[in-house]
Amino acid sequence: MAKLVNFIPGRNAAPKPTIKEALDDLDTNLPVSIERYLDKMVAQIKGMSLSRKKEILVLAKVIDAMGIDKQEMMRYVSKIKKNDILKK
């Protein structure tokens, strides 16, 4: 016998499966030139021995330059936390 929930328009009966992802297991690869640029950028930032406040400012400028709004950023952060994507 079918559940009544299955007959509600616009509602899926089956829940979506969650997928565990790791940083290396993502199905997309960055171009080599971007990888190289990111490695240089991170090395430069770490080499400057910036205070935590200035590191946050750098990150905020990168996020702003990418055009990511607050809600989208929070969605990305929760996905990163949920799927344990970070290497640390």
PDB file of N, CA and C in Angstrom:
ATOM      1  N   MET A   1       0.845  -1.177   0.000  1.00  0.00           N
ATOM      2  CA  MET A   1       0.000   0.000   0.000  1.00  0.00           C
ATOM      3  C   MET A   1       0.893   1.243   0.000  1.00  0.00           C
ATOM      4  N   ALA A   2       0.573   2.220  -0.832  1.00  0.00           N
ATOM      5  CA  ALA A   2       1.369   3.445  -0.953  1.00  0.00           C
ATOM      6  C   ALA A   2       1.015   4.406   0.169  1.00  0.00           C
ATOM      7  N   LYS A   3       2.024   5.144   0.594  1.00  0.00           N
ATOM      8  CA  LYS A   3       1.799   6.144   1.632  1.00  0.00           C
ATOM      9  C   LYS A   3       1.136   7.369   1.016  1.00  0.00           C
ATOM     10  N   LEU A   4       0.365   8.085   1.814  1.00  0.00           N
ATOM     11  CA  LEU A   4      -0.287   9.301   1.329  1.00  0.00           C
ATOM     12  C   LEU A   4       0.721  10.377   0.960  1.00  0.00           C
ATOM     13  N   VAL A   5       1.889  10.359   1.590  1.00  0.00           N
ATOM     14  CA  VAL A   5       2.923  11.344   1.306  1.00  0.00           C
ATOM     15  C   VAL A   5       3.359  11.254  -0.157  1.00  0.00           C
ATOM     16  N   ASN A   6       3.306  10.055  -0.709  1.00  0.00           N
ATOM     17  CA  ASN A   6       3.724   9.850  -2.094  1.00  0.00           C
ATOM     18  C   ASN A   6       2.809  10.550  -3.090  1.00  0.00           C
ATOM     19  N   PHE A   7       1.604  10.881  -2.684  1.00  0.00           N
ATOM     20  CA  PHE A   7       0.651  11.495  -3.589  1.00  0.00           C
ATOM     21  C   PHE A   7       0.640  13.017  -3.527  1.00  0.00           C
ATOM     22  N   ILE A   8       1.457  13.612  -2.657  1.00  0.00           N
ATOM     23  CA  ILE A   8       1.538  15.074  -2.570  1.00  0.00           C
ATOM     24  C   ILE A   8       2.340  15.572  -3.764  1.00  0.00           C
ATOM     25  N   PRO A   9       1.758  16.485  -4.576  1.00  0.00           N
ATOM     26  CA  PRO A   9       2.485  16.974  -5.758  1.00  0.00           C
ATOM     27  C   PRO A   9       3.776  17.698  -5.356  1.00  0.00           C
ATOM     28  N   GLY A  10       4.827  17.455  -6.113  1.00  0.00           N
ATOM     29  CA  GLY A  10       6.096  18.127  -5.878  1.00  0.00           C
ATOM     30  C   GLY A  10       6.917  17.566  -4.736  1.00  0.00           C
ATOM     31  N   ARG A  11       6.487  16.469  -4.176  1.00  0.00           N
ATOM     32  CA  ARG A  11       7.222  15.880  -3.059  1.00  0.00           C
ATOM     33  C   ARG A  11       7.765  14.517  -3.459  1.00  0.00           C
ATOM     34  N   ASN A  12       9.045  14.325  -3.262  1.00  0.00           N
ATOM     35  CA  ASN A  12       9.678  13.043  -3.584  1.00  0.00           C
ATOM     36  C   ASN A  12       9.464  12.065  -2.451  1.00  0.00           C
ATOM     37  N   ALA A  13       9.152  10.835  -2.795  1.00  0.00           N
ATOM     38  CA  ALA A  13       8.921   9.817  -1.779  1.00  0.00           C
ATOM     39  C   ALA A  13      10.230   9.264  -1.237  1.00  0.00           C
ATOM     40  N   ALA A  14      11.209   9.100  -2.100  1.00  0.00           N
ATOM     41  CA  ALA A  14      12.479   8.507  -1.677  1.00  0.00           C
ATOM     42  C   ALA A  14      13.457   9.611  -1.265  1.00  0.00           C
ATOM     43  N   PRO A  15      14.076   9.477  -0.100  1.00  0.00           N
ATOM     44  CA  PRO A  15      15.070  10.473   0.303  1.00  0.00           C
ATOM     45  C   PRO A  15      16.319  10.361  -0.564  1.00  0.00           C
ATOM     46  N   LYS A  16      16.989  11.479  -0.753  1.00  0.00           N
ATOM     47  CA  LYS A  16      18.214  11.492  -1.554  1.00  0.00           C
ATOM     48  C   LYS A  16      19.356  10.888  -0.737  1.00  0.00           C
ATOM     49  N   PRO A  17      20.140  10.009  -1.352  1.00  0.00           N
ATOM     50  CA  PRO A  17      21.262   9.429  -0.605  1.00  0.00           C
ATOM     51  C   PRO A  17      22.362  10.469  -0.415  1.00  0.00           C
ATOM     52  N   THR A  18      22.991  10.422   0.750  1.00  0.00           N
ATOM     53  CA  THR A  18      24.102  11.329   1.011  1.00  0.00           C
ATOM     54  C   THR A  18      25.392  10.672   0.544  1.00  0.00           C
ATOM     55  N   ILE A  19      26.273  11.478  -0.010  1.00  0.00           N
ATOM     56  CA  ILE A  19      27.522  10.973  -0.549  1.00  0.00           C
ATOM     57  C   ILE A  19      28.671  11.576   0.230  1.00  0.00           C
ATOM     58  N   LYS A  20      29.543  10.724   0.747  1.00  0.00           N
ATOM     59  CA  LYS A  20      30.741  11.202   1.426  1.00  0.00           C
ATOM     60  C   LYS A  20      31.765  11.595   0.383  1.00  0.00           C
ATOM     61  N   GLU A  21      32.284  12.820   0.491  1.00  0.00           N
ATOM     62  CA  GLU A  21      33.283  13.295  -0.454  1.00  0.00           C
ATOM     63  C   GLU A  21      34.543  13.687   0.297  1.00  0.00           C
ATOM     64  N   ALA A  22      35.646  13.512  -0.337  1.00  0.00           N
ATOM     65  CA  ALA A  22      36.910  14.018   0.171  1.00  0.00           C
ATOM     66  C   ALA A  22      37.444  14.994  -0.862  1.00  0.00           C
ATOM     67  N   LEU A  23      38.369  15.829  -0.458  1.00  0.00           N
ATOM     68  CA  LEU A  23      38.899  16.845  -1.353  1.00  0.00           C
ATOM     69  C   LEU A  23      39.463  16.218  -2.623  1.00  0.00           C
ATOM     70  N   ASP A  24      40.147  15.107  -2.507  1.00  0.00           N
ATOM     71  CA  ASP A  24      40.736  14.446  -3.669  1.00  0.00           C
ATOM     72  C   ASP A  24      39.717  13.629  -4.460  1.00  0.00           C
ATOM     73  N   ASP A  25      38.565  13.328  -3.854  1.00  0.00           N
ATOM     74  CA  ASP A  25      37.565  12.486  -4.499  1.00  0.00           C
ATOM     75  C   ASP A  25      36.512  13.277  -5.259  1.00  0.00           C
ATOM     76  N   LEU A  26      36.605  14.590  -5.279  1.00  0.00           N
ATOM     77  CA  LEU A  26      35.620  15.375  -6.009  1.00  0.00           C
ATOM     78  C   LEU A  26      35.697  15.022  -7.484  1.00  0.00           C
ATOM     79  N   ASP A  27      34.553  15.024  -8.147  1.00  0.00           N
ATOM     80  CA  ASP A  27      34.524  14.580  -9.535  1.00  0.00           C
ATOM     81  C   ASP A  27      35.008  15.637 -10.522  1.00  0.00           C
ATOM     82  N   THR A  28      35.476  16.765 -10.040  1.00  0.00           N
ATOM     83  CA  THR A  28      36.022  17.786 -10.923  1.00  0.00           C
ATOM     84  C   THR A  28      37.478  18.036 -10.553  1.00  0.00           C
ATOM     85  N   ASN A  29      38.246  18.365 -11.543  1.00  0.00           N
ATOM     86  CA  ASN A  29      39.648  18.693 -11.328  1.00  0.00           C
ATOM     87  C   ASN A  29      39.879  20.137 -11.731  1.00  0.00           C
ATOM     88  N   LEU A  30      40.721  20.792 -10.996  1.00  0.00           N
ATOM     89  CA  LEU A  30      41.081  22.161 -11.352  1.00  0.00           C
ATOM     90  C   LEU A  30      42.154  22.136 -12.428  1.00  0.00           C
ATOM     91  N   PRO A  31      42.133  23.114 -13.315  1.00  0.00           N
ATOM     92  CA  PRO A  31      43.227  23.196 -14.288  1.00  0.00           C
ATOM     93  C   PRO A  31      44.564  23.378 -13.572  1.00  0.00           C
ATOM     94  N   VAL A  32      45.628  22.888 -14.184  1.00  0.00           N
ATOM     95  CA  VAL A  32      46.955  22.918 -13.578  1.00  0.00           C
ATOM     96  C   VAL A  32      47.389  24.348 -13.282  1.00  0.00           C
ATOM     97  N   SER A  33      47.059  25.285 -14.166  1.00  0.00           N
ATOM     98  CA  SER A  33      47.466  26.677 -13.946  1.00  0.00           C
ATOM     99  C   SER A  33      46.802  27.261 -12.701  1.00  0.00           C
ATOM    100  N   ILE A  34      45.549  26.882 -12.438  1.00  0.00           N
ATOM    101  CA  ILE A  34      44.863  27.372 -11.237  1.00  0.00           C
ATOM    102  C   ILE A  34      45.459  26.723  -9.995  1.00  0.00           C
ATOM    103  N   GLU A  35      45.738  25.416 -10.062  1.00  0.00           N
ATOM    104  CA  GLU A  35      46.381  24.731  -8.927  1.00  0.00           C
ATOM    105  C   GLU A  35      47.699  25.414  -8.578  1.00  0.00           C
ATOM    106  N   ARG A  36      48.497  25.702  -9.603  1.00  0.00           N
ATOM    107  CA  ARG A  36      49.786  26.351  -9.395  1.00  0.00           C
ATOM    108  C   ARG A  36      49.596  27.727  -8.760  1.00  0.00           C
ATOM    109  N   TYR A  37      48.620  28.487  -9.274  1.00  0.00           N
ATOM    110  CA  TYR A  37      48.353  29.823  -8.757  1.00  0.00           C
ATOM    111  C   TYR A  37      47.888  29.764  -7.302  1.00  0.00           C
ATOM    112  N   LEU A  38      47.004  28.825  -6.994  1.00  0.00           N
ATOM    113  CA  LEU A  38      46.524  28.687  -5.615  1.00  0.00           C
ATOM    114  C   LEU A  38      47.651  28.306  -4.664  1.00  0.00           C
ATOM    115  N   ASP A  39      48.513  27.397  -5.109  1.00  0.00           N
ATOM    116  CA  ASP A  39      49.658  27.002  -4.271  1.00  0.00           C
ATOM    117  C   ASP A  39      50.567  28.192  -3.997  1.00  0.00           C
ATOM    118  N   LYS A  40      50.835  28.993  -5.036  1.00  0.00           N
ATOM    119  CA  LYS A  40      51.674  30.185  -4.861  1.00  0.00           C
ATOM    120  C   LYS A  40      51.003  31.193  -3.938  1.00  0.00           C
ATOM    121  N   MET A  41      49.682  31.378  -4.119  1.00  0.00           N
ATOM    122  CA  MET A  41      48.956  32.345  -3.302  1.00  0.00           C
ATOM    123  C   MET A  41      48.972  31.947  -1.823  1.00  0.00           C
ATOM    124  N   VAL A  42      48.708  30.682  -1.552  1.00  0.00           N
ATOM    125  CA  VAL A  42      48.698  30.204  -0.164  1.00  0.00           C
ATOM    126  C   VAL A  42      50.089  30.308   0.444  1.00  0.00           C
ATOM    127  N   ALA A  43      51.113  29.957  -0.317  1.00  0.00           N
ATOM    128  CA  ALA A  43      52.485  30.069   0.187  1.00  0.00           C
ATOM    129  C   ALA A  43      52.842  31.522   0.486  1.00  0.00           C
ATOM    130  N   GLN A  44      52.420  32.424  -0.362  1.00  0.00           N
ATOM    131  CA  GLN A  44      52.682  33.850  -0.155  1.00  0.00           C
ATOM    132  C   GLN A  44      51.976  34.358   1.102  1.00  0.00           C
ATOM    133  N   ILE A  45      50.730  33.984   1.274  1.00  0.00           N
ATOM    134  CA  ILE A  45      49.957  34.426   2.446  1.00  0.00           C
ATOM    135  C   ILE A  45      50.577  33.863   3.724  1.00  0.00           C
ATOM    136  N   LYS A  46      50.926  32.587   3.725  1.00  0.00           N
ATOM    137  CA  LYS A  46      51.537  31.982   4.914  1.00  0.00           C
ATOM    138  C   LYS A  46      52.916  32.565   5.191  1.00  0.00           C
ATOM    139  N   GLY A  47      53.647  32.911   4.146  1.00  0.00           N
ATOM    140  CA  GLY A  47      54.982  33.481   4.301  1.00  0.00           C
ATOM    141  C   GLY A  47      54.984  34.880   4.883  1.00  0.00           C
ATOM    142  N   MET A  48      53.855  35.568   4.791  1.00  0.00           N
ATOM    143  CA  MET A  48      53.764  36.935   5.295  1.00  0.00           C
ATOM    144  C   MET A  48      53.530  36.978   6.807  1.00  0.00           C
ATOM    145  N   SER A  49      53.235  35.861   7.421  1.00  0.00           N
ATOM    146  CA  SER A  49      52.943  35.791   8.860  1.00  0.00           C
ATOM    147  C   SER A  49      51.884  36.822   9.265  1.00  0.00           C
ATOM    148  N   LEU A  50      50.780  36.791   8.552  1.00  0.00           N
ATOM    149  CA  LEU A  50      49.694  37.722   8.832  1.00  0.00           C
ATOM    150  C   LEU A  50      48.982  37.332  10.120  1.00  0.00           C
ATOM    151  N   SER A  51      48.405  38.326  10.762  1.00  0.00           N
ATOM    152  CA  SER A  51      47.581  38.043  11.932  1.00  0.00           C
ATOM    153  C   SER A  51      46.302  37.350  11.470  1.00  0.00           C
ATOM    154  N   ARG A  52      45.612  36.747  12.395  1.00  0.00           N
ATOM    155  CA  ARG A  52      44.366  36.027  12.077  1.00  0.00           C
ATOM    156  C   ARG A  52      43.353  36.966  11.427  1.00  0.00           C
ATOM    157  N   LYS A  53      43.295  38.196  11.923  1.00  0.00           N
ATOM    158  CA  LYS A  53      42.354  39.186  11.400  1.00  0.00           C
ATOM    159  C   LYS A  53      42.661  39.505   9.936  1.00  0.00           C
ATOM    160  N   LYS A  54      43.939  39.610   9.596  1.00  0.00           N
ATOM    161  CA  LYS A  54      44.324  39.915   8.220  1.00  0.00           C
ATOM    162  C   LYS A  54      44.116  38.706   7.306  1.00  0.00           C
ATOM    163  N   GLU A  55      44.321  37.496   7.821  1.00  0.00           N
ATOM    164  CA  GLU A  55      44.031  36.299   7.032  1.00  0.00           C
ATOM    165  C   GLU A  55      42.546  36.231   6.699  1.00  0.00           C
ATOM    166  N   ILE A  56      41.710  36.580   7.663  1.00  0.00           N
ATOM    167  CA  ILE A  56      40.266  36.597   7.438  1.00  0.00           C
ATOM    168  C   ILE A  56      39.907  37.647   6.388  1.00  0.00           C
ATOM    169  N   LEU A  57      40.583  38.788   6.420  1.00  0.00           N
ATOM    170  CA  LEU A  57      40.348  39.831   5.426  1.00  0.00           C
ATOM    171  C   LEU A  57      40.716  39.343   4.026  1.00  0.00           C
ATOM    172  N   VAL A  58      41.821  38.619   3.904  1.00  0.00           N
ATOM    173  CA  VAL A  58      42.227  38.060   2.611  1.00  0.00           C
ATOM    174  C   VAL A  58      41.160  37.096   2.111  1.00  0.00           C
ATOM    175  N   LEU A  59      40.699  36.208   2.986  1.00  0.00           N
ATOM    176  CA  LEU A  59      39.678  35.241   2.617  1.00  0.00           C
ATOM    177  C   LEU A  59      38.380  35.945   2.222  1.00  0.00           C
ATOM    178  N   ALA A  60      38.016  36.987   2.957  1.00  0.00           N
ATOM    179  CA  ALA A  60      36.801  37.746   2.643  1.00  0.00           C
ATOM    180  C   ALA A  60      36.907  38.410   1.276  1.00  0.00           C
ATOM    181  N   LYS A  61      38.078  38.923   0.938  1.00  0.00           N
ATOM    182  CA  LYS A  61      38.266  39.561  -0.374  1.00  0.00           C
ATOM    183  C   LYS A  61      38.166  38.538  -1.502  1.00  0.00           C
ATOM    184  N   VAL A  62      38.686  37.339  -1.287  1.00  0.00           N
ATOM    185  CA  VAL A  62      38.588  36.284  -2.295  1.00  0.00           C
ATOM    186  C   VAL A  62      37.126  35.888  -2.493  1.00  0.00           C
ATOM    187  N   ILE A  63      36.405  35.706  -1.395  1.00  0.00           N
ATOM    188  CA  ILE A  63      34.992  35.334  -1.462  1.00  0.00           C
ATOM    189  C   ILE A  63      34.193  36.430  -2.157  1.00  0.00           C
ATOM    190  N   ASP A  64      34.475  37.692  -1.826  1.00  0.00           N
ATOM    191  CA  ASP A  64      33.780  38.815  -2.443  1.00  0.00           C
ATOM    192  C   ASP A  64      34.078  38.893  -3.936  1.00  0.00           C
ATOM    193  N   ALA A  65      35.325  38.648  -4.311  1.00  0.00           N
ATOM    194  CA  ALA A  65      35.712  38.695  -5.722  1.00  0.00           C
ATOM    195  C   ALA A  65      35.028  37.587  -6.528  1.00  0.00           C
ATOM    196  N   MET A  66      34.728  36.470  -5.870  1.00  0.00           N
ATOM    197  CA  MET A  66      34.043  35.379  -6.551  1.00  0.00           C
ATOM    198  C   MET A  66      32.546  35.622  -6.662  1.00  0.00           C
ATOM    199  N   GLY A  67      32.043  36.618  -5.948  1.00  0.00           N
ATOM    200  CA  GLY A  67      30.626  36.952  -6.025  1.00  0.00           C
ATOM    201  C   GLY A  67      29.726  36.010  -5.248  1.00  0.00           C
ATOM    202  N   ILE A  68      30.245  35.445  -4.173  1.00  0.00           N
ATOM    203  CA  ILE A  68      29.468  34.521  -3.355  1.00  0.00           C
ATOM    204  C   ILE A  68      28.755  35.315  -2.269  1.00  0.00           C
ATOM    205  N   ASP A  69      27.429  35.135  -2.174  1.00  0.00           N
ATOM    206  CA  ASP A  69      26.682  35.844  -1.135  1.00  0.00           C
ATOM    207  C   ASP A  69      26.691  35.038   0.168  1.00  0.00           C
ATOM    208  N   LYS A  70      26.134  35.624   1.223  1.00  0.00           N
ATOM    209  CA  LYS A  70      26.207  35.010   2.563  1.00  0.00           C
ATOM    210  C   LYS A  70      25.517  33.656   2.618  1.00  0.00           C
ATOM    211  N   GLN A  71      24.329  33.564   2.037  1.00  0.00           N
ATOM    212  CA  GLN A  71      23.591  32.296   2.096  1.00  0.00           C
ATOM    213  C   GLN A  71      24.315  31.193   1.334  1.00  0.00           C
ATOM    214  N   GLU A  72      24.856  31.546   0.170  1.00  0.00           N
ATOM    215  CA  GLU A  72      25.594  30.569  -0.621  1.00  0.00           C
ATOM    216  C   GLU A  72      26.854  30.121   0.122  1.00  0.00           C
ATOM    217  N   MET A  73      27.510  31.067   0.774  1.00  0.00           N
ATOM    218  CA  MET A  73      28.718  30.750   1.533  1.00  0.00           C
ATOM    219  C   MET A  73      28.400  29.798   2.685  1.00  0.00           C
ATOM    220  N   MET A  74      27.316  30.059   3.382  1.00  0.00           N
ATOM    221  CA  MET A  74      26.930  29.190   4.495  1.00  0.00           C
ATOM    222  C   MET A  74      26.583  27.786   3.983  1.00  0.00           C
ATOM    223  N   ARG A  75      25.975  27.712   2.805  1.00  0.00           N
ATOM    224  CA  ARG A  75      25.660  26.420   2.204  1.00  0.00           C
ATOM    225  C   ARG A  75      26.949  25.645   1.900  1.00  0.00           C
ATOM    226  N   TYR A  76      27.951  26.354   1.363  1.00  0.00           N
ATOM    227  CA  TYR A  76      29.237  25.719   1.068  1.00  0.00           C
ATOM    228  C   TYR A  76      29.933  25.263   2.346  1.00  0.00           C
ATOM    229  N   VAL A  77      29.916  26.098   3.368  1.00  0.00           N
ATOM    230  CA  VAL A  77      30.568  25.753   4.638  1.00  0.00           C
ATOM    231  C   VAL A  77      29.913  24.519   5.249  1.00  0.00           C
ATOM    232  N   SER A  78      28.575  24.482   5.238  1.00  0.00           N
ATOM    233  CA  SER A  78      27.904  23.320   5.827  1.00  0.00           C
ATOM    234  C   SER A  78      28.186  22.057   5.020  1.00  0.00           C
ATOM    235  N   LYS A  79      28.292  22.178   3.690  1.00  0.00           N
ATOM    236  CA  LYS A  79      28.616  21.012   2.867  1.00  0.00           C
ATOM    237  C   LYS A  79      30.038  20.533   3.147  1.00  0.00           C
ATOM    238  N   ILE A  80      30.954  21.474   3.313  1.00  0.00           N
ATOM    239  CA  ILE A  80      32.340  21.116   3.622  1.00  0.00           C
ATOM    240  C   ILE A  80      32.425  20.414   4.969  1.00  0.00           C
ATOM    241  N   LYS A  81      31.713  20.940   5.965  1.00  0.00           N
ATOM    242  CA  LYS A  81      31.723  20.314   7.292  1.00  0.00           C
ATOM    243  C   LYS A  81      31.060  18.942   7.268  1.00  0.00           C
ATOM    244  N   LYS A  82      29.920  18.866   6.607  1.00  0.00           N
ATOM    245  CA  LYS A  82      29.139  17.636   6.584  1.00  0.00           C
ATOM    246  C   LYS A  82      29.894  16.498   5.896  1.00  0.00           C
ATOM    247  N   ASN A  83      30.543  16.801   4.780  1.00  0.00           N
ATOM    248  CA  ASN A  83      31.226  15.775   3.999  1.00  0.00           C
ATOM    249  C   ASN A  83      32.690  15.626   4.330  1.00  0.00           C
ATOM    250  N   ASP A  84      33.179  16.391   5.301  1.00  0.00           N
ATOM    251  CA  ASP A  84      34.576  16.302   5.741  1.00  0.00           C
ATOM    252  C   ASP A  84      35.525  16.420   4.556  1.00  0.00           C
ATOM    253  N   ILE A  85      35.388  17.521   3.803  1.00  0.00           N
ATOM    254  CA  ILE A  85      36.155  17.718   2.578  1.00  0.00           C
ATOM    255  C   ILE A  85      37.565  18.246   2.855  1.00  0.00           C
ATOM    256  N   LEU A  86      37.751  18.973   3.932  1.00  0.00           N
ATOM    257  CA  LEU A  86      39.055  19.546   4.215  1.00  0.00           C
ATOM    258  C   LEU A  86      40.085  18.479   4.558  1.00  0.00           C
ATOM    259  N   LYS A  87      41.323  18.759   4.249  1.00  0.00           N
ATOM    260  CA  LYS A  87      42.401  17.781   4.492  1.00  0.00           C
ATOM    261  C   LYS A  87      42.750  17.651   5.968  1.00  0.00           C
ATOM    262  N   LYS A  88      42.554  18.711   6.755  1.00  0.00           N
ATOM    263  CA  LYS A  88      42.980  18.677   8.159  1.00  0.00           C
ATOM    264  C   LYS A  88      42.125  17.757   8.942  1.00  0.00           C
TER     265      LYS A  88
END
